[in-house]
N, C-alpha and C. Protein backbone atom coordinates (compact mmCIF):
# COMPACT_ATOMS: atom_id res chain seq x y z
N MET A 1 -4.73 -6.75 -23.10
CA MET A 1 -5.86 -6.47 -22.47
C MET A 1 -6.34 -5.18 -21.98
N LYS A 2 -7.91 -4.79 -22.88
CA LYS A 2 -8.30 -3.05 -23.31
C LYS A 2 -8.51 -2.44 -22.07
N VAL A 3 -8.75 -1.04 -22.91
CA VAL A 3 -8.03 -0.14 -22.01
C VAL A 3 -9.36 -0.06 -20.63
N ASN A 4 -10.44 -0.26 -21.80
CA ASN A 4 -11.43 -0.04 -20.31
C ASN A 4 -11.41 -1.19 -19.58
N MET A 5 -11.40 -2.25 -19.70
CA MET A 5 -11.17 -3.79 -19.10
C MET A 5 -9.90 -3.05 -17.81
N ALA A 6 -9.10 -2.55 -18.35
CA ALA A 6 -7.70 -2.04 -16.88
C ALA A 6 -8.44 -1.04 -16.19
N SER A 7 -8.86 -0.29 -17.14
CA SER A 7 -9.42 1.09 -16.12
C SER A 7 -10.81 0.52 -14.67
N ASN A 8 -11.99 -0.58 -15.20
CA ASN A 8 -12.81 -0.99 -14.79
C ASN A 8 -12.04 -2.03 -13.45
N ILE A 9 -11.47 -3.13 -13.59
CA ILE A 9 -10.10 -3.23 -12.76
C ILE A 9 -9.60 -2.71 -11.65
N LEU A 10 -9.63 -1.38 -12.07
CA LEU A 10 -8.33 -0.38 -10.87
C LEU A 10 -9.40 0.51 -10.55
N LYS A 11 -11.10 0.27 -10.89
CA LYS A 11 -12.31 0.95 -9.81
C LYS A 11 -12.14 -0.03 -9.16
N ILE A 12 -12.36 -1.31 -9.41
CA ILE A 12 -13.32 -1.70 -8.31
C ILE A 12 -12.06 -2.23 -7.02
N LEU A 13 -10.75 -2.00 -7.38
CA LEU A 13 -9.35 -2.47 -6.54
C LEU A 13 -9.46 -0.88 -5.77
N LEU A 14 -9.84 0.25 -6.14
CA LEU A 14 -9.57 1.19 -5.30
C LEU A 14 -10.71 1.13 -4.52
N ILE A 15 -12.40 0.90 -5.12
CA ILE A 15 -13.15 0.77 -4.41
C ILE A 15 -12.90 -0.35 -3.32
N VAL A 16 -12.50 -1.26 -3.26
CA VAL A 16 -11.77 -2.09 -2.06
C VAL A 16 -10.86 -1.12 -1.39
N PHE A 17 -10.51 -1.24 -2.05
CA PHE A 17 -9.11 0.05 -0.98
C PHE A 17 -10.44 0.53 -0.12
N ALA A 18 -11.17 1.79 -0.56
CA ALA A 18 -11.94 2.65 -0.03
C ALA A 18 -12.78 1.83 1.28
N ILE A 19 -13.04 0.67 0.84
CA ILE A 19 -13.58 0.14 1.87
C ILE A 19 -13.23 -0.37 2.77
N GLY A 20 -11.66 -1.08 2.49
CA GLY A 20 -10.65 -1.04 4.16
C GLY A 20 -9.88 0.20 4.62
N VAL A 21 -9.69 1.41 3.75
CA VAL A 21 -10.25 2.64 4.70
C VAL A 21 -10.89 2.84 5.52
N ILE A 22 -12.51 2.74 5.18
CA ILE A 22 -13.36 2.67 5.70
C ILE A 22 -13.54 2.18 7.25
N PHE A 23 -13.26 0.58 7.35
CA PHE A 23 -13.12 0.24 8.08
C PHE A 23 -12.01 0.52 8.96
N LEU A 24 -11.01 0.51 8.53
CA LEU A 24 -9.68 1.36 9.50
C LEU A 24 -10.32 2.00 10.32
N GLY A 25 -10.76 3.65 9.11
CA GLY A 25 -11.03 4.40 10.23
C GLY A 25 -11.93 4.41 11.71
N THR A 26 -13.06 4.07 11.19
CA THR A 26 -14.23 3.92 12.20
C THR A 26 -14.13 2.29 13.38
N TYR A 27 -13.31 1.59 12.84
CA TYR A 27 -13.26 0.35 13.50
C TYR A 27 -11.95 0.35 14.55
N ILE A 28 -10.90 0.66 13.49
CA ILE A 28 -9.55 -0.24 13.91
C ILE A 28 -8.80 1.14 14.44
N LEU A 29 -9.27 2.52 14.37
CA LEU A 29 -7.99 3.44 14.93
C LEU A 29 -8.83 3.45 15.97
N PRO A 30 -9.96 4.08 16.31
CA PRO A 30 -10.20 4.07 17.67
C PRO A 30 -9.77 2.68 18.65
N ILE A 31 -9.81 1.51 18.42
CA ILE A 31 -9.62 0.95 19.33
C ILE A 31 -8.59 0.65 19.41
N MET A 32 -6.91 1.25 18.16
CA MET A 32 -6.07 1.12 18.50
C MET A 32 -5.72 2.45 19.99
N ALA A 33 -6.44 3.59 19.37
CA ALA A 33 -6.34 4.26 20.13
C ALA A 33 -6.34 4.52 21.79
N GLU A 34 -7.22 3.66 22.13
CA GLU A 34 -8.27 3.12 23.18
C GLU A 34 -6.89 2.17 24.23
N ASP A 35 -5.90 1.28 23.13
CA ASP A 35 -4.97 0.22 23.58
C ASP A 35 -3.50 1.61 23.96
N MET A 36 -3.66 1.96 23.35
CA MET A 36 -2.43 3.12 23.49
C MET A 36 -2.58 3.77 24.73
N LEU A 37 -4.01 4.03 25.35
CA LEU A 37 -4.23 4.32 26.98
C LEU A 37 -4.08 3.86 27.49
N TYR A 38 -4.12 2.02 27.31
CA TYR A 38 -3.49 1.51 28.67
C TYR A 38 -1.95 1.18 28.68
N VAL A 39 -1.66 1.20 27.41
CA VAL A 39 -0.24 1.33 27.67
C VAL A 39 0.70 2.57 28.16
N TYR A 40 0.02 3.61 27.88
CA TYR A 40 0.41 4.91 27.91
C TYR A 40 -0.18 5.56 28.87
N PRO A 41 -1.05 5.42 30.32
CA PRO A 41 -2.04 6.43 30.25
C PRO A 41 -2.16 7.66 30.71
N GLU A 42 -0.86 7.64 30.67
CA GLU A 42 -0.44 9.28 31.05
C GLU A 42 -0.57 10.53 29.79
N LEU A 43 -0.79 9.82 28.67
CA LEU A 43 -1.00 10.02 27.58
C LEU A 43 -2.38 11.01 27.30
N GLU A 44 -3.56 10.09 27.67
CA GLU A 44 -4.65 10.05 27.61
C GLU A 44 -4.89 11.80 26.29
N TYR A 45 -4.61 13.13 27.18
CA TYR A 45 -4.91 14.03 26.79
C TYR A 45 -3.99 14.36 25.13
N ALA A 46 -3.54 12.99 24.49
CA ALA A 46 -2.93 13.42 23.49
C ALA A 46 -4.01 12.36 22.48
N LYS A 47 -4.92 11.43 22.90
CA LYS A 47 -5.09 10.76 22.33
C LYS A 47 -6.60 10.86 21.32
N LEU A 48 -6.80 12.12 21.28
CA LEU A 48 -8.29 12.41 20.63
C LEU A 48 -7.47 13.46 19.73
N PRO A 49 -6.19 14.39 20.19
CA PRO A 49 -5.93 15.00 18.91
C PRO A 49 -5.21 14.03 17.85
N ILE A 50 -4.99 12.87 18.59
CA ILE A 50 -4.20 12.06 17.41
C ILE A 50 -4.76 11.52 16.75
N LEU A 51 -6.20 10.84 17.64
CA LEU A 51 -7.29 10.17 16.57
C LEU A 51 -7.71 11.18 15.24
N VAL A 52 -7.92 12.08 16.02
CA VAL A 52 -8.52 12.98 14.70
C VAL A 52 -7.46 13.38 13.59
N THR A 53 -6.43 14.16 13.98
CA THR A 53 -5.74 13.85 13.02
C THR A 53 -5.42 12.94 11.61
N CYS A 54 -5.15 11.11 12.52
CA CYS A 54 -5.56 10.98 12.18
C CYS A 54 -6.35 9.88 10.68
N GLU A 55 -7.78 10.40 12.02
CA GLU A 55 -9.17 10.53 10.90
C GLU A 55 -9.32 11.92 9.53
N LEU A 56 -8.51 12.73 10.04
CA LEU A 56 -8.57 13.45 9.04
C LEU A 56 -7.82 12.97 7.83
N LEU A 57 -6.65 12.50 7.57
CA LEU A 57 -6.00 12.41 7.09
C LEU A 57 -5.96 10.97 6.05
N LEU A 58 -6.98 10.32 7.16
CA LEU A 58 -7.86 8.82 6.28
C LEU A 58 -9.29 10.04 5.07
N ILE A 59 -9.84 10.71 5.92
CA ILE A 59 -10.89 11.29 4.93
C ILE A 59 -10.09 12.36 3.86
N LEU A 60 -8.73 12.62 3.74
CA LEU A 60 -8.25 13.16 2.50
C LEU A 60 -7.97 12.07 1.77
N LEU A 61 -7.27 11.07 2.24
CA LEU A 61 -7.43 9.38 1.10
C LEU A 61 -8.39 8.91 0.79
N LEU A 62 -9.91 8.93 1.04
CA LEU A 62 -10.97 8.82 0.62
C LEU A 62 -11.81 9.54 -0.41
N ILE A 63 -11.06 10.71 0.00
CA ILE A 63 -11.47 12.02 -1.17
C ILE A 63 -10.35 11.81 -2.73
N GLY A 64 -9.18 11.37 -1.97
CA GLY A 64 -8.19 11.61 -3.29
C GLY A 64 -8.68 9.99 -4.04
N THR A 65 -8.82 8.78 -3.32
CA THR A 65 -9.41 8.12 -3.93
C THR A 65 -10.70 8.55 -5.34
N GLY A 66 -11.53 9.26 -4.44
CA GLY A 66 -13.08 10.12 -4.94
C GLY A 66 -12.32 10.40 -6.36
N VAL A 67 -11.03 11.33 -6.15
CA VAL A 67 -10.86 11.99 -7.50
C VAL A 67 -10.44 11.22 -8.42
N ILE A 68 -9.26 10.24 -8.05
CA ILE A 68 -9.10 9.22 -9.01
C ILE A 68 -10.00 8.31 -10.02
N MET A 69 -11.06 8.07 -8.89
CA MET A 69 -12.31 7.41 -9.70
C MET A 69 -12.76 8.23 -11.19
N TYR A 70 -13.03 9.62 -10.69
CA TYR A 70 -13.40 11.10 -11.41
C TYR A 70 -12.48 10.80 -12.28
N LEU A 71 -11.16 11.39 -12.45
CA LEU A 71 -10.32 10.73 -13.67
C LEU A 71 -10.28 9.42 -14.42
N LEU A 72 -10.54 8.45 -14.06
CA LEU A 72 -10.50 7.50 -14.36
C LEU A 72 -12.00 7.23 -15.11
N ARG A 73 -13.28 7.82 -14.93
CA ARG A 73 -14.27 8.22 -15.88
C ARG A 73 -14.39 8.98 -16.43
N MET A 74 -13.58 10.14 -16.40
CA MET A 74 -12.82 10.95 -17.67
C MET A 74 -11.82 10.40 -18.79
N PHE A 75 -11.28 9.27 -18.37
CA PHE A 75 -10.36 8.83 -19.31
C PHE A 75 -11.58 7.81 -19.71
N ASP A 76 -12.21 6.73 -19.20
CA ASP A 76 -13.25 6.26 -20.02
C ASP A 76 -13.72 6.19 -21.07
N HIS A 77 -14.44 8.33 -20.84
CA HIS A 77 -15.53 8.73 -22.07
C HIS A 77 -14.29 9.64 -22.88
N GLY A 78 -12.96 9.39 -22.87
CA GLY A 78 -12.27 9.93 -23.75
C GLY A 78 -12.01 12.00 -23.54
N PHE A 79 -12.23 11.91 -22.49
CA PHE A 79 -11.85 13.78 -21.85
C PHE A 79 -10.18 13.39 -21.07
N THR A 80 -9.42 12.40 -21.75
CA THR A 80 -7.96 12.52 -21.02
C THR A 80 -7.42 13.96 -21.28
N PHE A 81 -7.57 14.43 -22.67
CA PHE A 81 -7.00 15.78 -23.26
C PHE A 81 -7.48 17.08 -23.24
N THR A 82 -8.18 17.10 -21.62
CA THR A 82 -8.92 18.05 -21.64
C THR A 82 -8.08 19.17 -19.73
N LEU A 83 -8.82 20.80 -20.04
CA LEU A 83 -8.33 21.10 -18.84
C LEU A 83 -8.56 20.67 -17.70
N ARG A 84 -9.80 20.03 -17.85
CA ARG A 84 -10.73 19.72 -16.73
C ARG A 84 -9.83 18.89 -15.91
N PHE A 85 -9.33 17.63 -16.43
CA PHE A 85 -8.64 16.81 -16.86
C PHE A 85 -7.36 16.90 -15.81
N THR A 86 -6.74 17.84 -16.32
CA THR A 86 -5.51 18.60 -15.98
C THR A 86 -5.57 19.19 -14.48
N ARG A 87 -7.37 19.24 -14.24
CA ARG A 87 -6.91 20.31 -13.00
C ARG A 87 -7.60 19.46 -12.24
N GLY A 88 -7.93 18.18 -12.46
CA GLY A 88 -8.21 17.01 -11.47
C GLY A 88 -6.55 16.44 -10.93
N LEU A 89 -5.54 16.43 -11.70
CA LEU A 89 -4.23 16.70 -11.51
C LEU A 89 -3.74 16.88 -10.45
N GLU A 90 -4.15 18.76 -10.74
CA GLU A 90 -3.40 19.40 -9.66
C GLU A 90 -4.29 19.37 -8.62
N ILE A 91 -5.54 18.97 -8.46
CA ILE A 91 -6.01 18.56 -6.52
C ILE A 91 -5.57 17.54 -6.26
N LEU A 92 -5.20 16.49 -6.90
CA LEU A 92 -4.32 15.52 -6.39
C LEU A 92 -2.89 15.83 -6.06
N VAL A 93 -2.38 16.67 -6.65
CA VAL A 93 -1.20 17.28 -6.10
C VAL A 93 -1.49 17.89 -4.59
N GLY A 94 -2.53 18.78 -4.54
CA GLY A 94 -2.44 19.54 -3.43
C GLY A 94 -3.20 18.97 -2.54
N MET A 95 -3.49 17.42 -2.33
CA MET A 95 -3.95 16.74 -1.77
C MET A 95 -2.29 16.13 -1.20
N CYS A 96 -2.10 16.21 -1.84
CA CYS A 96 -0.68 14.78 -1.29
C CYS A 96 -0.07 15.75 -0.56
N ILE A 97 0.17 17.34 -0.85
CA ILE A 97 0.90 18.51 -0.29
C ILE A 97 0.02 18.51 1.21
N LEU A 98 -1.09 18.55 0.55
CA LEU A 98 -1.95 18.49 2.70
C LEU A 98 -1.58 17.04 3.50
N ALA A 99 -1.66 15.74 2.87
CA ALA A 99 -1.26 14.92 3.44
C ALA A 99 0.54 14.73 3.99
N SER A 100 0.96 15.21 3.12
CA SER A 100 2.45 14.99 4.04
C SER A 100 2.70 16.48 5.08
N ILE A 101 1.97 17.98 4.93
CA ILE A 101 1.88 18.50 5.41
C ILE A 101 1.29 17.87 6.96
N GLY A 102 -0.16 17.02 6.70
CA GLY A 102 -0.76 16.90 8.04
C GLY A 102 0.10 15.60 8.36
N ILE A 103 0.87 14.63 7.66
CA ILE A 103 2.00 13.83 8.60
C ILE A 103 3.10 14.41 9.51
N ILE A 104 3.39 15.25 8.81
CA ILE A 104 4.87 16.36 9.55
C ILE A 104 3.78 17.32 11.04
N ILE A 105 3.16 17.68 11.13
CA ILE A 105 2.53 18.07 11.77
C ILE A 105 1.99 16.69 12.97
N LEU A 106 1.70 15.71 12.91
CA LEU A 106 1.63 14.89 13.52
C LEU A 106 2.90 14.27 14.42
N ILE A 107 3.64 14.12 13.84
CA ILE A 107 5.13 13.79 14.15
C ILE A 107 5.58 15.22 15.04
N GLN A 108 5.39 16.40 14.81
CA GLN A 108 5.95 17.80 15.67
C GLN A 108 5.05 17.12 16.83
N TYR A 109 3.95 17.15 16.50
CA TYR A 109 2.64 16.58 17.96
C TYR A 109 3.10 16.28 18.58
N MET A 110 3.48 14.83 18.45
CA MET A 110 3.80 13.20 18.99
C MET A 110 5.01 13.35 19.66
N THR A 111 6.72 14.44 19.04
CA THR A 111 7.61 14.84 20.11
C THR A 111 7.32 15.57 20.80
N THR A 112 6.24 16.33 21.09
CA THR A 112 6.12 17.50 22.14
C THR A 112 6.10 16.53 23.63
N PHE A 113 5.70 15.15 23.49
CA PHE A 113 5.40 13.95 24.49
C PHE A 113 6.50 13.01 24.32
N GLY A 114 7.67 13.30 23.80
CA GLY A 114 8.64 11.79 23.54
C GLY A 114 8.76 11.33 22.28
N GLY A 115 7.43 11.72 21.37
CA GLY A 115 7.25 11.60 20.24
C GLY A 115 7.54 9.99 19.96
N PRO A 116 7.40 9.62 18.58
CA PRO A 116 6.42 7.89 18.53
C PRO A 116 8.00 7.47 18.10
N GLY A 117 7.88 6.02 18.51
CA GLY A 117 9.27 5.15 19.02
C GLY A 117 10.29 5.22 17.39
N PRO A 118 11.46 4.82 17.38
CA PRO A 118 11.77 5.00 15.73
C PRO A 118 11.22 4.12 14.74
N LEU A 119 11.07 3.30 15.04
CA LEU A 119 10.03 2.30 13.97
C LEU A 119 9.00 3.07 13.26
N LEU A 120 8.78 3.75 14.41
CA LEU A 120 7.13 4.39 13.55
C LEU A 120 7.18 5.85 13.14
N SER A 121 8.86 6.21 13.41
CA SER A 121 9.21 7.44 12.92
C SER A 121 9.70 7.20 11.65
N LEU A 122 10.21 6.38 11.61
CA LEU A 122 10.87 5.97 9.73
C LEU A 122 9.65 6.07 9.21
N ILE A 123 8.14 4.88 9.70
CA ILE A 123 7.69 4.67 8.95
C ILE A 123 6.71 5.84 8.55
N MET A 124 6.19 6.76 9.55
CA MET A 124 5.98 8.37 9.14
C MET A 124 6.46 9.20 8.28
N ILE A 125 8.01 8.64 8.08
CA ILE A 125 8.56 9.50 7.24
C ILE A 125 8.82 9.02 5.87
N GLY A 126 8.66 7.51 5.85
CA GLY A 126 8.84 6.84 4.99
C GLY A 126 7.42 7.35 3.69
N ILE A 127 6.61 7.45 4.48
CA ILE A 127 5.14 7.73 3.95
C ILE A 127 5.51 8.97 3.57
N THR A 128 5.95 10.12 3.94
CA THR A 128 5.97 11.38 3.83
C THR A 128 6.65 11.41 2.24
N PHE A 129 7.76 10.70 2.15
CA PHE A 129 8.87 10.46 1.53
C PHE A 129 8.03 9.90 -0.26
N VAL A 130 6.69 8.94 0.34
CA VAL A 130 6.34 8.37 -0.73
C VAL A 130 5.28 8.91 -1.55
N ILE A 131 4.51 10.07 -0.47
CA ILE A 131 3.60 11.14 -0.85
C ILE A 131 3.78 11.67 -2.16
N TRP A 132 5.63 12.43 -1.58
CA TRP A 132 6.15 12.84 -1.91
C TRP A 132 6.63 12.95 -3.64
N ILE A 133 7.09 11.82 -3.54
CA ILE A 133 7.16 10.88 -4.74
C ILE A 133 5.78 10.82 -6.06
N VAL A 134 4.83 10.36 -4.89
CA VAL A 134 3.87 10.02 -5.81
C VAL A 134 3.32 11.78 -6.63
N ALA A 135 3.09 12.57 -5.85
CA ALA A 135 3.10 13.85 -5.93
C ALA A 135 3.98 14.18 -7.28
N MET A 136 5.31 14.16 -7.49
CA MET A 136 6.02 14.48 -8.54
C MET A 136 5.61 13.94 -9.56
N VAL A 137 4.96 12.69 -9.80
CA VAL A 137 4.57 11.66 -10.52
C VAL A 137 3.26 12.09 -11.17
N ILE A 138 2.98 12.22 -10.36
CA ILE A 138 1.24 13.15 -10.46
C ILE A 138 1.77 14.21 -11.81
N MET A 139 2.28 15.03 -11.02
CA MET A 139 3.05 16.63 -11.59
C MET A 139 3.83 16.33 -13.11
N LEU A 140 4.24 14.85 -13.16
CA LEU A 140 4.92 14.53 -14.61
C LEU A 140 3.76 14.08 -15.13
N ILE A 141 2.57 13.60 -14.74
CA ILE A 141 1.36 12.92 -15.89
C ILE A 141 0.89 14.12 -16.50
N ARG A 142 0.74 15.21 -15.67
CA ARG A 142 -0.10 16.39 -15.86
C ARG A 142 0.66 17.10 -16.89
N ALA A 143 2.13 17.32 -16.67
CA ALA A 143 2.97 17.70 -17.98
C ALA A 143 2.84 17.07 -18.87
N ILE A 144 3.10 16.16 -19.15
CA ILE A 144 2.92 15.34 -19.83
C ILE A 144 1.27 15.56 -21.10
N VAL A 145 0.63 15.35 -20.16
CA VAL A 145 -0.68 15.56 -20.84
C VAL A 145 -1.21 17.30 -20.95
N LYS A 146 -0.91 18.25 -20.87
CA LYS A 146 -0.79 19.51 -21.16
C LYS A 146 0.32 19.60 -22.19
N LYS A 147 1.30 19.16 -22.60
CA LYS A 147 2.01 19.00 -23.89
C LYS A 147 1.26 18.32 -24.85
N ALA A 148 0.39 17.23 -24.82
CA ALA A 148 -0.42 16.19 -25.50
C ALA A 148 -1.40 17.14 -26.04
N ILE A 149 -1.95 18.16 -24.94
CA ILE A 149 -3.28 18.78 -25.24
C ILE A 149 -2.84 19.88 -26.60
N ILE A 150 -1.73 20.86 -26.14
CA ILE A 150 -0.98 21.60 -27.25
C ILE A 150 -0.62 21.27 -28.59
N TYR A 151 -0.13 19.95 -28.62
CA TYR A 151 0.35 19.04 -29.76
C TYR A 151 -1.06 18.80 -30.03
N LYS A 152 -1.64 18.52 -30.10
CA LYS A 152 -3.04 18.28 -30.30
C LYS A 152 -4.07 19.30 -30.99
N ASP A 153 -4.33 20.71 -30.09
CA ASP A 153 -4.52 21.85 -30.43
C ASP A 153 -3.71 22.47 -31.87
N ASP A 154 -1.82 22.26 -31.96
CA ASP A 154 -1.42 22.58 -33.03
C ASP A 154 -1.55 22.15 -34.20
N TYR A 155 -2.00 20.11 -33.79
CA TYR A 155 -2.05 19.50 -35.17
C TYR A 155 -3.40 19.27 -35.39
N ASP A 156 -4.27 20.22 -34.60
CA ASP A 156 -6.08 20.65 -35.44
C ASP A 156 -5.36 21.68 -36.09
N LEU A 157 -5.07 22.69 -36.10
CA LEU A 157 -4.82 24.55 -36.59
C LEU A 157 -4.28 24.51 -38.25
N THR A 158 -3.17 22.72 -38.00
CA THR A 158 -2.82 22.14 -39.70
C THR A 158 -3.30 21.71 -40.26
N VAL A 159 -4.20 20.82 -39.99
CA VAL A 159 -4.83 19.89 -40.54
C VAL A 159 -6.36 20.84 -41.05
């Protein structure tokens, strides 16, 4: 499979994923928040902060998807071994850190009124670990690209 073909397929998948995230944030999350009030009417004061935090995390996910799309375009045009590409990877790592902090704050807030159930707690902790693993992989890719840039520059000087 050609590299551009794989890149185009990944772009299409990212667009479909982004549409799903938008649908989740605009339609499903508000319905889930209303359903939470039917089950726990005493938690009406917690509905809005939890909903806003989840929406902000989804917006962060959409921005990260946009950054990945930008990096794919740079890759398609042959600008992989540039400082702009590594800067994009650094932005993605920062966004992963922000997302994990947001999830930890959400867990802390939810513990003030009894906390999430055991399953939701495990899911949130698992997502946080997955985010950290993704951040480490992105940092590894960044280190590989930086070493390749240095190797390329050294090679260009010797030729």
